[in-house]
Amino acid sequence: MNITVDEIRRVIVASAGASESGVADADFADTSFDALGYESLALMETATAIESEFGVLIPDELLFEARTPRELAELVRSAKEATAA
């Protein structure tokens, strides 16, 4: 399953609210969560939504290693592939 950055963005916004950083859509994928204004609680809420929607449990230590939405999408993709194998 190919989980895209756009899907991750949709989940982030649905669970943690829209970013107030003013970052352009094109830059969202590679902008740090800190710069986007998402703190640890927002990421934990996002992880809960990811588990619910995609059936993927992201351990906290891995969740906080992801610094950008692109890295989080890659993490979710890898976890989804591992559970499918």
C-alpha atoms as a PDB file:
ATOM      1  CA  MET A   1       0.000   0.000   0.000  1.00  0.00           C
ATOM      2  CA  ASN A   2       1.376   3.370  -1.000  1.00  0.00           C
ATOM      3  CA  ILE A   3       0.587   5.876   1.741  1.00  0.00           C
ATOM      4  CA  THR A   4       1.261   9.348   0.391  1.00  0.00           C
ATOM      5  CA  VAL A   5       2.297  12.589   2.035  1.00  0.00           C
ATOM      6  CA  ASP A   6      -1.111  13.989   1.038  1.00  0.00           C
ATOM      7  CA  GLU A   7      -2.829  11.235   3.016  1.00  0.00           C
ATOM      8  CA  ILE A   8      -0.581  11.945   6.000  1.00  0.00           C
ATOM      9  CA  ARG A   9      -1.379  15.649   5.692  1.00  0.00           C
ATOM     10  CA  ARG A  10      -5.106  14.905   5.658  1.00  0.00           C
ATOM     11  CA  VAL A  11      -4.753  12.765   8.797  1.00  0.00           C
ATOM     12  CA  ILE A  12      -2.615  15.387  10.561  1.00  0.00           C
ATOM     13  CA  VAL A  13      -5.084  18.172   9.809  1.00  0.00           C
ATOM     14  CA  ALA A  14      -8.077  16.018  10.783  1.00  0.00           C
ATOM     15  CA  SER A  15      -6.544  14.973  14.098  1.00  0.00           C
ATOM     16  CA  ALA A  16      -4.420  17.970  15.087  1.00  0.00           C
ATOM     17  CA  GLY A  17      -5.834  20.885  13.118  1.00  0.00           C
ATOM     18  CA  ALA A  18      -4.481  22.942  10.252  1.00  0.00           C
ATOM     19  CA  SER A  19      -0.958  24.278  10.435  1.00  0.00           C
ATOM     20  CA  GLU A  20      -0.807  27.970  11.178  1.00  0.00           C
ATOM     21  CA  SER A  21       2.714  28.315   9.830  1.00  0.00           C
ATOM     22  CA  GLY A  22       1.735  29.621   6.399  1.00  0.00           C
ATOM     23  CA  VAL A  23       3.919  27.001   4.703  1.00  0.00           C
ATOM     24  CA  ALA A  24       3.051  26.537   1.036  1.00  0.00           C
ATOM     25  CA  ASP A  25       1.499  23.225   0.032  1.00  0.00           C
ATOM     26  CA  ALA A  26       4.565  22.375  -2.047  1.00  0.00           C
ATOM     27  CA  ASP A  27       6.841  22.762   0.980  1.00  0.00           C
ATOM     28  CA  PHE A  28       4.664  20.912   3.500  1.00  0.00           C
ATOM     29  CA  ALA A  29       6.202  17.455   2.966  1.00  0.00           C
ATOM     30  CA  ASP A  30       9.724  18.535   3.860  1.00  0.00           C
ATOM     31  CA  THR A  31       9.015  21.146   6.525  1.00  0.00           C
ATOM     32  CA  SER A  32       9.748  20.068  10.079  1.00  0.00           C
ATOM     33  CA  PHE A  33       6.823  19.411  12.387  1.00  0.00           C
ATOM     34  CA  ASP A  34       8.222  22.112  14.693  1.00  0.00           C
ATOM     35  CA  ALA A  35       8.163  24.691  11.885  1.00  0.00           C
ATOM     36  CA  LEU A  36       4.636  23.581  10.999  1.00  0.00           C
ATOM     37  CA  GLY A  37       3.601  24.174  14.606  1.00  0.00           C
ATOM     38  CA  TYR A  38       2.880  20.536  15.454  1.00  0.00           C
ATOM     39  CA  GLU A  39       4.176  19.476  18.859  1.00  0.00           C
ATOM     40  CA  SER A  40       4.352  16.051  20.478  1.00  0.00           C
ATOM     41  CA  LEU A  41       0.674  15.941  21.478  1.00  0.00           C
ATOM     42  CA  ALA A  42      -0.384  16.654  17.887  1.00  0.00           C
ATOM     43  CA  LEU A  43       1.880  13.866  16.655  1.00  0.00           C
ATOM     44  CA  MET A  44       0.480  11.437  19.216  1.00  0.00           C
ATOM     45  CA  GLU A  45      -3.060  12.299  18.099  1.00  0.00           C
ATOM     46  CA  THR A  46      -1.949  11.788  14.513  1.00  0.00           C
ATOM     47  CA  ALA A  47      -0.452   8.383  15.382  1.00  0.00           C
ATOM     48  CA  THR A  48      -3.758   7.328  16.929  1.00  0.00           C
ATOM     49  CA  ALA A  49      -5.580   8.385  13.767  1.00  0.00           C
ATOM     50  CA  ILE A  50      -3.036   6.544  11.596  1.00  0.00           C
ATOM     51  CA  GLU A  51      -3.575   3.374  13.610  1.00  0.00           C
ATOM     52  CA  SER A  52      -7.329   3.716  13.245  1.00  0.00           C
ATOM     53  CA  GLU A  53      -7.310   4.495   9.538  1.00  0.00           C
ATOM     54  CA  PHE A  54      -4.413   2.411   8.231  1.00  0.00           C
ATOM     55  CA  GLY A  55      -4.162  -0.296  10.897  1.00  0.00           C
ATOM     56  CA  VAL A  56      -0.559   0.629  11.650  1.00  0.00           C
ATOM     57  CA  LEU A  57       0.752   1.097  15.179  1.00  0.00           C
ATOM     58  CA  ILE A  58       3.667   3.522  15.271  1.00  0.00           C
ATOM     59  CA  PRO A  59       5.681   3.208  18.502  1.00  0.00           C
ATOM     60  CA  ASP A  60       6.322   6.570  20.186  1.00  0.00           C
ATOM     61  CA  GLU A  61      10.101   6.303  19.817  1.00  0.00           C
ATOM     62  CA  LEU A  62       9.746   5.908  16.038  1.00  0.00           C
ATOM     63  CA  LEU A  63       7.036   8.525  15.797  1.00  0.00           C
ATOM     64  CA  PHE A  64       9.274  11.179  17.312  1.00  0.00           C
ATOM     65  CA  GLU A  65      12.171  10.254  15.029  1.00  0.00           C
ATOM     66  CA  ALA A  66      10.101  11.402  12.046  1.00  0.00           C
ATOM     67  CA  ARG A  67      10.904  15.083  11.645  1.00  0.00           C
ATOM     68  CA  THR A  68       8.758  15.884   8.598  1.00  0.00           C
ATOM     69  CA  PRO A  69       5.477  14.714   7.064  1.00  0.00           C
ATOM     70  CA  ARG A  70       7.484  12.941   4.327  1.00  0.00           C
ATOM     71  CA  GLU A  71       9.461  10.985   6.935  1.00  0.00           C
ATOM     72  CA  LEU A  72       6.233  10.085   8.742  1.00  0.00           C
ATOM     73  CA  ALA A  73       4.664   8.867   5.482  1.00  0.00           C
ATOM     74  CA  GLU A  74       7.726   6.687   4.842  1.00  0.00           C
ATOM     75  CA  LEU A  75       7.529   5.317   8.382  1.00  0.00           C
ATOM     76  CA  VAL A  76       3.841   4.462   8.015  1.00  0.00           C
ATOM     77  CA  ARG A  77       4.470   2.869   4.614  1.00  0.00           C
ATOM     78  CA  SER A  78       7.290   0.726   6.006  1.00  0.00           C
ATOM     79  CA  ALA A  79       5.224  -0.333   9.014  1.00  0.00           C
ATOM     80  CA  LYS A  80       2.260  -1.189   6.777  1.00  0.00           C
ATOM     81  CA  GLU A  81       4.459  -3.307   4.513  1.00  0.00           C
ATOM     82  CA  ALA A  82       5.967  -5.095   7.533  1.00  0.00           C
ATOM     83  CA  THR A  83       2.522  -6.008   8.876  1.00  0.00           C
ATOM     84  CA  ALA A  84       1.417  -7.234   5.447  1.00  0.00           C
ATOM     85  CA  ALA A  85       4.400  -9.582   5.080  1.00  0.00           C
END
